[in-house]
């Protein structure tokens, strides 16, 4: 009898100390977006041959005569565009006096032609317009180079880099 009483007491006390199984839930989300790319469509930033005439000169390349890029990505997202001026050095002479290329950057949305361009400052965003399920924006780069009368003759070269990110 003591054994049965002990067993019943064990069942009753264990029911007091056991907790029912409880659950909670949370929503899991993920949004997949198309990767971001920038590709050169056409053009260059070659200012050609310039004759040094003993005076300061300002060389200009209009954006529609420079490089045209296309940004491809997720429709209706905004891409952050960043760039810096480029230093141009005499080839094989890094310690020589350099030239500075100051870029002028514009965008025309998903219009491949240089129509109604809008200025793009480094660090600003460009809207990727929906073009058959792909976000698209065209970027145009021109700029200027100031040549002082004291610059040495020779071939100057540098690298202009433009970057995009979400």
N, C-alpha and C. Protein backbone atom coordinates (compact mmCIF):
# COMPACT_ATOMS: atom_id res chain seq x y z
N UNK A 1 0.81 -1.17 0.00
CA UNK A 1 0.00 0.00 0.00
C UNK A 1 0.87 1.25 0.00
N UNK A 2 1.94 1.18 0.80
CA UNK A 2 2.86 2.32 0.81
C UNK A 2 3.46 2.55 -0.58
N UNK A 3 3.70 1.48 -1.27
CA UNK A 3 4.27 1.59 -2.61
C UNK A 3 3.29 2.26 -3.56
N UNK A 4 2.03 1.90 -3.50
CA UNK A 4 1.02 2.50 -4.37
C UNK A 4 0.82 3.96 -3.99
N UNK A 5 0.76 4.26 -2.71
CA UNK A 5 0.60 5.63 -2.24
C UNK A 5 1.80 6.49 -2.68
N UNK A 6 3.00 5.93 -2.57
CA UNK A 6 4.21 6.65 -3.00
C UNK A 6 4.20 6.94 -4.50
N UNK A 7 3.72 5.96 -5.27
CA UNK A 7 3.65 6.13 -6.71
C UNK A 7 2.65 7.22 -7.09
N UNK A 8 1.48 7.23 -6.44
CA UNK A 8 0.47 8.25 -6.70
C UNK A 8 0.98 9.62 -6.30
N UNK A 9 1.67 9.70 -5.14
CA UNK A 9 2.25 10.95 -4.69
C UNK A 9 3.30 11.46 -5.68
N UNK A 10 4.11 10.55 -6.23
CA UNK A 10 5.12 10.90 -7.23
C UNK A 10 4.46 11.48 -8.48
N UNK A 11 3.39 10.85 -8.94
CA UNK A 11 2.70 11.34 -10.14
C UNK A 11 2.10 12.72 -9.90
N UNK A 12 1.51 12.93 -8.75
CA UNK A 12 0.89 14.21 -8.44
C UNK A 12 1.93 15.32 -8.33
N UNK A 13 3.03 15.05 -7.63
CA UNK A 13 4.06 16.08 -7.46
C UNK A 13 4.80 16.35 -8.77
N UNK A 14 5.00 15.36 -9.59
CA UNK A 14 5.70 15.59 -10.86
C UNK A 14 4.83 16.41 -11.81
N UNK A 15 3.51 16.27 -11.70
CA UNK A 15 2.61 17.07 -12.53
C UNK A 15 2.68 18.54 -12.14
N UNK A 16 2.96 18.81 -10.87
CA UNK A 16 3.07 20.18 -10.39
C UNK A 16 4.33 20.83 -10.93
N UNK A 17 5.44 20.09 -10.99
CA UNK A 17 6.72 20.65 -11.41
C UNK A 17 6.96 20.61 -12.92
N UNK A 18 6.19 19.87 -13.68
CA UNK A 18 6.35 19.80 -15.14
C UNK A 18 5.59 20.95 -15.79
N UNK A 19 6.22 21.54 -16.78
CA UNK A 19 5.57 22.63 -17.51
C UNK A 19 5.11 22.09 -18.85
N UNK A 20 3.97 22.58 -19.29
CA UNK A 20 3.49 22.18 -20.61
C UNK A 20 4.45 22.71 -21.66
N UNK A 21 4.50 22.05 -22.80
CA UNK A 21 5.31 22.49 -23.92
C UNK A 21 4.68 23.74 -24.52
N UNK A 22 5.45 24.83 -24.65
CA UNK A 22 4.94 26.06 -25.24
C UNK A 22 5.76 26.40 -26.47
N UNK A 23 5.14 27.08 -27.40
CA UNK A 23 5.80 27.41 -28.66
C UNK A 23 5.67 28.90 -28.93
N UNK A 24 6.57 29.37 -29.75
CA UNK A 24 6.51 30.73 -30.25
C UNK A 24 6.94 30.67 -31.70
N UNK A 25 6.59 31.65 -32.48
CA UNK A 25 6.99 31.64 -33.88
C UNK A 25 7.47 33.03 -34.30
N UNK A 26 8.22 33.06 -35.35
CA UNK A 26 8.72 34.31 -35.91
C UNK A 26 8.67 34.21 -37.42
N UNK A 27 8.46 35.33 -38.08
CA UNK A 27 8.44 35.37 -39.53
C UNK A 27 9.88 35.43 -40.05
N UNK A 28 10.16 34.65 -41.04
CA UNK A 28 11.47 34.65 -41.69
C UNK A 28 11.28 35.26 -43.07
N UNK A 29 12.09 36.29 -43.39
CA UNK A 29 11.97 36.97 -44.68
C UNK A 29 13.33 37.07 -45.35
N UNK A 30 13.30 37.17 -46.64
CA UNK A 30 14.48 37.48 -47.43
C UNK A 30 13.99 38.10 -48.74
N UNK A 31 14.69 39.13 -49.19
CA UNK A 31 14.37 39.74 -50.48
C UNK A 31 15.59 39.58 -51.36
N UNK A 32 15.44 38.88 -52.44
CA UNK A 32 16.53 38.66 -53.37
C UNK A 32 16.49 39.75 -54.44
N UNK A 33 17.63 40.38 -54.71
CA UNK A 33 17.71 41.43 -55.71
C UNK A 33 18.76 41.07 -56.75
N UNK A 34 18.56 41.60 -57.94
CA UNK A 34 19.52 41.36 -59.01
C UNK A 34 20.86 42.00 -58.66
N UNK A 35 21.93 41.36 -59.08
CA UNK A 35 23.27 41.91 -58.83
C UNK A 35 23.44 43.22 -59.60
N UNK A 36 24.35 44.02 -59.12
CA UNK A 36 24.60 45.34 -59.69
C UNK A 36 25.85 45.28 -60.56
N UNK A 37 25.75 45.86 -61.77
CA UNK A 37 26.88 45.88 -62.70
C UNK A 37 26.98 47.26 -63.33
N UNK A 38 28.19 47.61 -63.73
CA UNK A 38 28.38 48.81 -64.55
C UNK A 38 29.29 48.40 -65.71
N UNK A 39 28.86 48.73 -66.93
CA UNK A 39 29.62 48.35 -68.11
C UNK A 39 29.78 49.56 -69.03
N UNK A 40 30.93 49.62 -69.66
CA UNK A 40 31.18 50.67 -70.65
C UNK A 40 30.39 50.36 -71.91
N UNK A 41 29.65 51.36 -72.40
CA UNK A 41 28.89 51.21 -73.65
C UNK A 41 29.75 51.68 -74.82
N UNK A 42 30.34 52.88 -74.68
CA UNK A 42 31.15 53.42 -75.77
C UNK A 42 31.94 54.62 -75.26
N UNK A 43 32.88 55.06 -76.08
CA UNK A 43 33.62 56.30 -75.83
C UNK A 43 34.96 56.10 -75.14
N UNK A 44 35.63 57.24 -74.90
CA UNK A 44 36.91 57.24 -74.21
C UNK A 44 37.16 58.61 -73.56
N UNK A 45 38.20 58.68 -72.79
CA UNK A 45 38.61 59.94 -72.15
C UNK A 45 39.97 60.38 -72.69
N UNK A 46 40.16 60.20 -73.98
CA UNK A 46 41.39 60.60 -74.64
C UNK A 46 41.23 62.05 -75.10
N UNK A 47 42.06 62.94 -74.56
CA UNK A 47 42.00 64.35 -74.93
C UNK A 47 42.84 64.66 -76.16
N UNK A 48 43.50 63.66 -76.69
CA UNK A 48 44.28 63.83 -77.91
C UNK A 48 45.59 64.57 -77.71
N UNK A 49 46.13 65.05 -78.79
CA UNK A 49 47.41 65.76 -78.79
C UNK A 49 47.16 67.25 -78.59
N UNK A 50 47.88 67.83 -77.64
CA UNK A 50 47.73 69.25 -77.33
C UNK A 50 49.08 69.93 -77.51
N UNK A 51 49.08 71.03 -78.20
CA UNK A 51 50.33 71.77 -78.43
C UNK A 51 50.56 72.73 -77.26
N UNK A 52 51.72 72.60 -76.59
CA UNK A 52 52.09 73.52 -75.52
C UNK A 52 52.51 74.83 -76.15
N UNK A 53 51.85 75.92 -75.75
CA UNK A 53 52.15 77.21 -76.37
C UNK A 53 52.65 78.24 -75.37
N UNK A 54 53.07 77.80 -74.17
CA UNK A 54 53.63 78.72 -73.18
C UNK A 54 52.58 79.39 -72.31
N UNK A 55 51.31 79.08 -72.49
CA UNK A 55 50.24 79.63 -71.64
C UNK A 55 49.46 78.48 -70.99
N UNK A 56 48.75 78.81 -69.93
CA UNK A 56 47.88 77.81 -69.29
C UNK A 56 46.72 77.48 -70.24
N UNK A 57 46.33 76.20 -70.24
CA UNK A 57 45.23 75.77 -71.10
C UNK A 57 44.25 74.91 -70.30
N UNK A 58 42.98 75.06 -70.60
CA UNK A 58 41.94 74.21 -70.02
C UNK A 58 41.39 73.31 -71.11
N UNK A 59 41.63 72.01 -70.93
CA UNK A 59 41.14 71.04 -71.90
C UNK A 59 39.78 70.54 -71.42
N UNK A 60 38.83 70.43 -72.33
CA UNK A 60 37.47 70.03 -71.97
C UNK A 60 37.00 68.89 -72.85
N UNK A 61 36.40 67.89 -72.21
CA UNK A 61 35.75 66.80 -72.93
C UNK A 61 34.31 66.76 -72.43
N UNK A 62 33.36 67.06 -73.31
CA UNK A 62 31.94 67.04 -72.94
C UNK A 62 31.52 65.61 -72.61
N UNK A 63 30.60 65.43 -71.66
CA UNK A 63 30.19 64.07 -71.29
C UNK A 63 29.65 63.24 -72.47
N UNK A 64 28.93 63.85 -73.38
CA UNK A 64 28.41 63.09 -74.52
C UNK A 64 29.50 62.77 -75.54
N UNK A 65 30.71 63.32 -75.34
CA UNK A 65 31.85 63.00 -76.19
C UNK A 65 32.87 62.14 -75.44
N UNK A 66 32.56 61.83 -74.17
CA UNK A 66 33.45 61.03 -73.33
C UNK A 66 33.03 59.57 -73.31
N UNK A 67 32.83 59.05 -72.10
CA UNK A 67 32.46 57.63 -71.95
C UNK A 67 31.01 57.53 -71.54
N UNK A 68 30.31 56.57 -72.14
CA UNK A 68 28.95 56.23 -71.74
C UNK A 68 28.99 54.86 -71.06
N UNK A 69 28.48 54.81 -69.82
CA UNK A 69 28.36 53.55 -69.07
C UNK A 69 26.88 53.22 -68.92
N UNK A 70 26.58 51.96 -68.66
CA UNK A 70 25.22 51.55 -68.28
C UNK A 70 25.32 50.81 -66.95
N UNK A 71 24.44 51.19 -66.03
CA UNK A 71 24.32 50.48 -64.76
C UNK A 71 23.14 49.54 -64.91
N UNK A 72 23.34 48.27 -64.56
CA UNK A 72 22.28 47.26 -64.61
C UNK A 72 22.09 46.69 -63.22
N UNK A 73 20.83 46.54 -62.81
CA UNK A 73 20.56 46.00 -61.49
C UNK A 73 19.09 45.72 -61.29
N UNK A 74 18.64 45.83 -60.06
CA UNK A 74 17.26 45.54 -59.71
C UNK A 74 16.36 46.73 -60.06
N UNK A 75 15.23 46.49 -60.71
CA UNK A 75 14.34 47.61 -61.08
C UNK A 75 13.90 48.41 -59.85
N UNK A 76 13.88 49.70 -60.01
CA UNK A 76 13.38 50.67 -59.02
C UNK A 76 14.28 50.79 -57.78
N UNK A 77 15.44 50.15 -57.76
CA UNK A 77 16.38 50.36 -56.66
C UNK A 77 17.24 51.57 -57.02
N UNK A 78 17.92 52.09 -56.01
CA UNK A 78 18.84 53.20 -56.25
C UNK A 78 20.27 52.72 -56.09
N UNK A 79 21.11 53.12 -57.02
CA UNK A 79 22.53 52.78 -56.99
C UNK A 79 23.31 54.01 -56.54
N UNK A 80 24.23 53.82 -55.62
CA UNK A 80 25.12 54.89 -55.16
C UNK A 80 26.31 54.94 -56.11
N UNK A 81 26.56 56.10 -56.68
CA UNK A 81 27.65 56.28 -57.65
C UNK A 81 28.78 57.06 -56.98
N UNK A 82 29.98 56.49 -57.00
CA UNK A 82 31.15 57.19 -56.43
C UNK A 82 32.29 57.21 -57.45
N UNK A 83 33.06 58.29 -57.39
CA UNK A 83 34.22 58.46 -58.27
C UNK A 83 35.12 59.54 -57.67
N UNK A 84 36.33 59.61 -58.16
CA UNK A 84 37.31 60.59 -57.70
C UNK A 84 37.98 61.22 -58.93
N UNK A 85 38.55 62.40 -58.76
CA UNK A 85 39.40 62.92 -59.83
C UNK A 85 40.57 61.95 -60.06
N UNK A 86 41.15 61.99 -61.23
CA UNK A 86 42.26 61.08 -61.56
C UNK A 86 43.54 61.87 -61.79
N UNK A 87 44.61 61.38 -61.20
CA UNK A 87 45.93 61.97 -61.44
C UNK A 87 46.55 61.34 -62.68
N UNK A 88 47.10 62.19 -63.54
CA UNK A 88 47.77 61.72 -64.75
C UNK A 88 49.25 62.02 -64.61
N UNK A 89 50.07 61.01 -64.83
CA UNK A 89 51.52 61.16 -64.71
C UNK A 89 52.19 60.93 -66.05
N UNK A 90 53.35 61.56 -66.24
CA UNK A 90 54.16 61.24 -67.41
C UNK A 90 54.49 59.76 -67.33
N UNK A 91 54.33 59.06 -68.43
CA UNK A 91 54.59 57.62 -68.40
C UNK A 91 56.00 57.34 -67.90
N UNK A 92 56.10 56.37 -66.99
CA UNK A 92 57.37 55.91 -66.39
C UNK A 92 58.02 56.97 -65.50
N UNK A 93 57.28 58.00 -65.07
CA UNK A 93 57.85 59.04 -64.20
C UNK A 93 56.82 59.44 -63.14
N UNK A 94 56.63 58.58 -62.13
CA UNK A 94 55.63 58.83 -61.09
C UNK A 94 55.95 60.09 -60.28
N UNK A 95 57.20 60.47 -60.16
CA UNK A 95 57.57 61.63 -59.35
C UNK A 95 57.49 62.95 -60.13
N UNK A 96 57.05 62.90 -61.38
CA UNK A 96 56.96 64.13 -62.17
C UNK A 96 55.73 64.93 -61.77
N UNK A 97 55.66 66.14 -62.26
CA UNK A 97 54.49 66.98 -62.02
C UNK A 97 53.30 66.36 -62.74
N UNK A 98 52.21 66.19 -62.03
CA UNK A 98 51.05 65.50 -62.59
C UNK A 98 50.01 66.48 -63.13
N UNK A 99 49.08 65.94 -63.89
CA UNK A 99 47.90 66.65 -64.34
C UNK A 99 46.71 66.07 -63.57
N UNK A 100 45.67 66.84 -63.42
CA UNK A 100 44.49 66.39 -62.68
C UNK A 100 43.28 66.39 -63.61
N UNK A 101 42.68 65.22 -63.76
CA UNK A 101 41.45 65.09 -64.53
C UNK A 101 40.29 65.27 -63.56
N UNK A 102 39.45 66.28 -63.79
CA UNK A 102 38.28 66.56 -62.97
C UNK A 102 37.04 66.07 -63.73
N UNK A 103 36.44 64.97 -63.28
CA UNK A 103 35.32 64.41 -64.02
C UNK A 103 34.04 65.23 -63.91
N UNK A 104 33.25 65.16 -64.95
CA UNK A 104 31.89 65.71 -64.99
C UNK A 104 30.99 64.52 -65.33
N UNK A 105 30.11 64.15 -64.38
CA UNK A 105 29.32 62.92 -64.52
C UNK A 105 27.84 63.27 -64.57
N UNK A 106 27.14 62.67 -65.52
CA UNK A 106 25.71 62.91 -65.71
C UNK A 106 24.99 61.58 -65.92
N UNK A 107 23.67 61.57 -65.67
CA UNK A 107 22.86 60.39 -65.93
C UNK A 107 21.65 60.77 -66.76
N UNK A 108 21.18 59.79 -67.55
CA UNK A 108 20.01 60.03 -68.41
C UNK A 108 18.93 58.97 -68.19
N UNK A 109 18.87 58.39 -66.99
CA UNK A 109 17.88 57.34 -66.73
C UNK A 109 18.11 56.16 -67.64
N UNK A 110 17.03 55.59 -68.18
CA UNK A 110 17.21 54.45 -69.09
C UNK A 110 17.26 54.88 -70.56
N UNK A 111 17.54 56.18 -70.78
CA UNK A 111 17.65 56.72 -72.13
C UNK A 111 19.10 56.59 -72.61
N UNK A 112 19.32 55.82 -73.66
CA UNK A 112 20.66 55.59 -74.18
C UNK A 112 21.25 56.84 -74.84
N UNK A 113 20.41 57.84 -75.15
CA UNK A 113 20.86 59.08 -75.76
C UNK A 113 21.11 60.14 -74.68
N UNK A 114 21.99 61.06 -74.95
CA UNK A 114 22.32 62.14 -74.01
C UNK A 114 21.23 63.22 -74.09
N UNK A 115 20.06 62.85 -73.56
CA UNK A 115 18.90 63.73 -73.58
C UNK A 115 18.47 64.01 -72.14
N UNK A 116 18.24 65.27 -71.81
CA UNK A 116 17.84 65.70 -70.46
C UNK A 116 18.77 65.14 -69.38
N UNK A 117 20.08 65.38 -69.51
CA UNK A 117 21.02 64.83 -68.52
C UNK A 117 20.88 65.53 -67.16
N UNK A 118 21.14 64.74 -66.10
CA UNK A 118 21.14 65.27 -64.74
C UNK A 118 22.52 65.03 -64.15
N UNK A 119 23.07 66.04 -63.50
CA UNK A 119 24.39 65.94 -62.88
C UNK A 119 24.38 64.90 -61.76
N UNK A 120 25.47 64.14 -61.65
CA UNK A 120 25.61 63.13 -60.60
C UNK A 120 26.87 63.46 -59.80
N UNK A 121 26.69 63.87 -58.55
CA UNK A 121 27.82 64.12 -57.68
C UNK A 121 28.28 62.80 -57.07
N UNK A 122 29.56 62.66 -56.80
CA UNK A 122 30.07 61.44 -56.18
C UNK A 122 29.38 61.23 -54.83
N UNK A 123 28.89 60.00 -54.62
CA UNK A 123 28.19 59.66 -53.38
C UNK A 123 26.69 59.81 -53.47
N UNK A 124 26.19 60.31 -54.59
CA UNK A 124 24.73 60.46 -54.73
C UNK A 124 24.14 59.20 -55.37
N UNK A 125 22.81 59.13 -55.39
CA UNK A 125 22.15 57.95 -55.92
C UNK A 125 21.54 58.21 -57.29
N UNK A 126 21.41 57.12 -58.03
CA UNK A 126 20.79 57.13 -59.35
C UNK A 126 19.71 56.06 -59.33
N UNK A 127 18.49 56.41 -59.73
CA UNK A 127 17.39 55.45 -59.77
C UNK A 127 17.54 54.53 -60.98
N UNK A 128 17.39 53.24 -60.74
CA UNK A 128 17.44 52.26 -61.82
C UNK A 128 16.02 52.04 -62.33
N UNK A 129 15.77 52.51 -63.53
CA UNK A 129 14.43 52.44 -64.11
C UNK A 129 14.17 51.04 -64.66
N UNK A 130 12.93 50.59 -64.54
CA UNK A 130 12.56 49.25 -65.01
C UNK A 130 12.54 49.21 -66.53
N UNK A 131 13.36 48.32 -67.08
CA UNK A 131 13.44 48.14 -68.52
C UNK A 131 13.35 46.64 -68.78
N UNK A 132 12.13 46.15 -69.02
CA UNK A 132 11.89 44.72 -69.24
C UNK A 132 12.40 43.84 -68.09
N UNK A 133 12.16 44.27 -66.86
CA UNK A 133 12.52 43.48 -65.70
C UNK A 133 13.94 43.69 -65.19
N UNK A 134 14.68 44.59 -65.80
CA UNK A 134 16.04 44.92 -65.35
C UNK A 134 16.10 46.41 -65.06
N UNK A 135 16.71 46.76 -63.92
CA UNK A 135 16.92 48.17 -63.61
C UNK A 135 18.06 48.70 -64.45
N UNK A 136 17.87 49.89 -65.02
CA UNK A 136 18.87 50.41 -65.94
C UNK A 136 19.01 51.92 -65.78
N UNK A 137 20.25 52.40 -65.86
CA UNK A 137 20.53 53.84 -65.89
C UNK A 137 21.82 54.05 -66.68
N UNK A 138 21.82 55.08 -67.51
CA UNK A 138 23.01 55.41 -68.30
C UNK A 138 23.77 56.55 -67.64
N UNK A 139 25.09 56.38 -67.56
CA UNK A 139 25.99 57.36 -66.94
C UNK A 139 26.96 57.85 -68.01
N UNK A 140 27.17 59.16 -68.04
CA UNK A 140 28.03 59.80 -69.03
C UNK A 140 29.15 60.53 -68.30
N UNK A 141 30.39 60.34 -68.75
CA UNK A 141 31.54 60.95 -68.09
C UNK A 141 32.37 61.74 -69.09
N UNK A 142 32.53 62.99 -68.78
CA UNK A 142 33.45 63.88 -69.49
C UNK A 142 34.29 64.54 -68.42
N UNK A 143 34.88 65.68 -68.71
CA UNK A 143 35.64 66.37 -67.68
C UNK A 143 36.63 67.35 -68.25
N UNK A 144 37.51 67.82 -67.35
CA UNK A 144 38.49 68.82 -67.79
C UNK A 144 39.85 68.54 -67.17
N UNK A 145 40.84 69.04 -67.85
CA UNK A 145 42.23 68.97 -67.40
C UNK A 145 42.83 70.36 -67.56
N UNK A 146 43.44 70.85 -66.49
CA UNK A 146 44.12 72.14 -66.56
C UNK A 146 45.60 71.88 -66.82
N UNK A 147 46.11 72.43 -67.90
CA UNK A 147 47.52 72.28 -68.26
C UNK A 147 48.21 73.61 -68.01
N UNK A 148 49.16 73.60 -67.09
CA UNK A 148 49.94 74.82 -66.81
C UNK A 148 51.05 74.97 -67.84
N UNK A 149 51.49 76.19 -68.02
CA UNK A 149 52.57 76.46 -68.97
C UNK A 149 53.88 75.77 -68.56
N UNK A 150 53.96 75.35 -67.29
CA UNK A 150 55.19 74.71 -66.78
C UNK A 150 55.18 73.19 -66.92
N UNK A 151 54.11 72.60 -67.40
CA UNK A 151 54.09 71.14 -67.55
C UNK A 151 55.04 70.71 -68.66
N UNK A 152 55.69 69.58 -68.41
CA UNK A 152 56.62 69.02 -69.40
C UNK A 152 55.85 68.34 -70.51
N UNK A 153 56.46 68.32 -71.69
CA UNK A 153 55.84 67.59 -72.79
C UNK A 153 55.98 66.10 -72.53
N UNK A 154 55.11 65.32 -73.15
CA UNK A 154 55.14 63.86 -73.01
C UNK A 154 53.73 63.29 -72.92
N UNK A 155 53.69 61.97 -72.79
CA UNK A 155 52.41 61.25 -72.70
C UNK A 155 52.01 61.10 -71.24
N UNK A 156 50.91 61.71 -70.87
CA UNK A 156 50.38 61.62 -69.51
C UNK A 156 49.27 60.58 -69.48
N UNK A 157 49.26 59.81 -68.40
CA UNK A 157 48.30 58.72 -68.32
C UNK A 157 47.88 58.50 -66.87
N UNK A 158 46.62 58.16 -66.66
CA UNK A 158 46.10 57.86 -65.33
C UNK A 158 44.85 57.01 -65.46
N UNK A 159 44.25 56.68 -64.33
CA UNK A 159 43.07 55.83 -64.32
C UNK A 159 41.90 56.52 -63.62
N UNK A 160 40.80 56.61 -64.32
CA UNK A 160 39.57 57.12 -63.72
C UNK A 160 38.73 55.89 -63.36
N UNK A 161 38.25 55.86 -62.11
CA UNK A 161 37.44 54.73 -61.64
C UNK A 161 36.08 55.24 -61.17
N UNK A 162 35.04 54.57 -61.60
CA UNK A 162 33.68 54.86 -61.15
C UNK A 162 33.13 53.58 -60.53
N UNK A 163 32.46 53.70 -59.39
CA UNK A 163 31.93 52.54 -58.68
C UNK A 163 30.45 52.73 -58.40
N UNK A 164 29.73 51.60 -58.34
CA UNK A 164 28.31 51.63 -57.98
C UNK A 164 28.06 50.60 -56.88
N UNK A 165 27.11 50.91 -56.00
CA UNK A 165 26.74 49.99 -54.92
C UNK A 165 25.27 50.25 -54.58
N UNK A 166 24.64 49.25 -53.97
CA UNK A 166 23.27 49.45 -53.46
C UNK A 166 23.36 50.09 -52.11
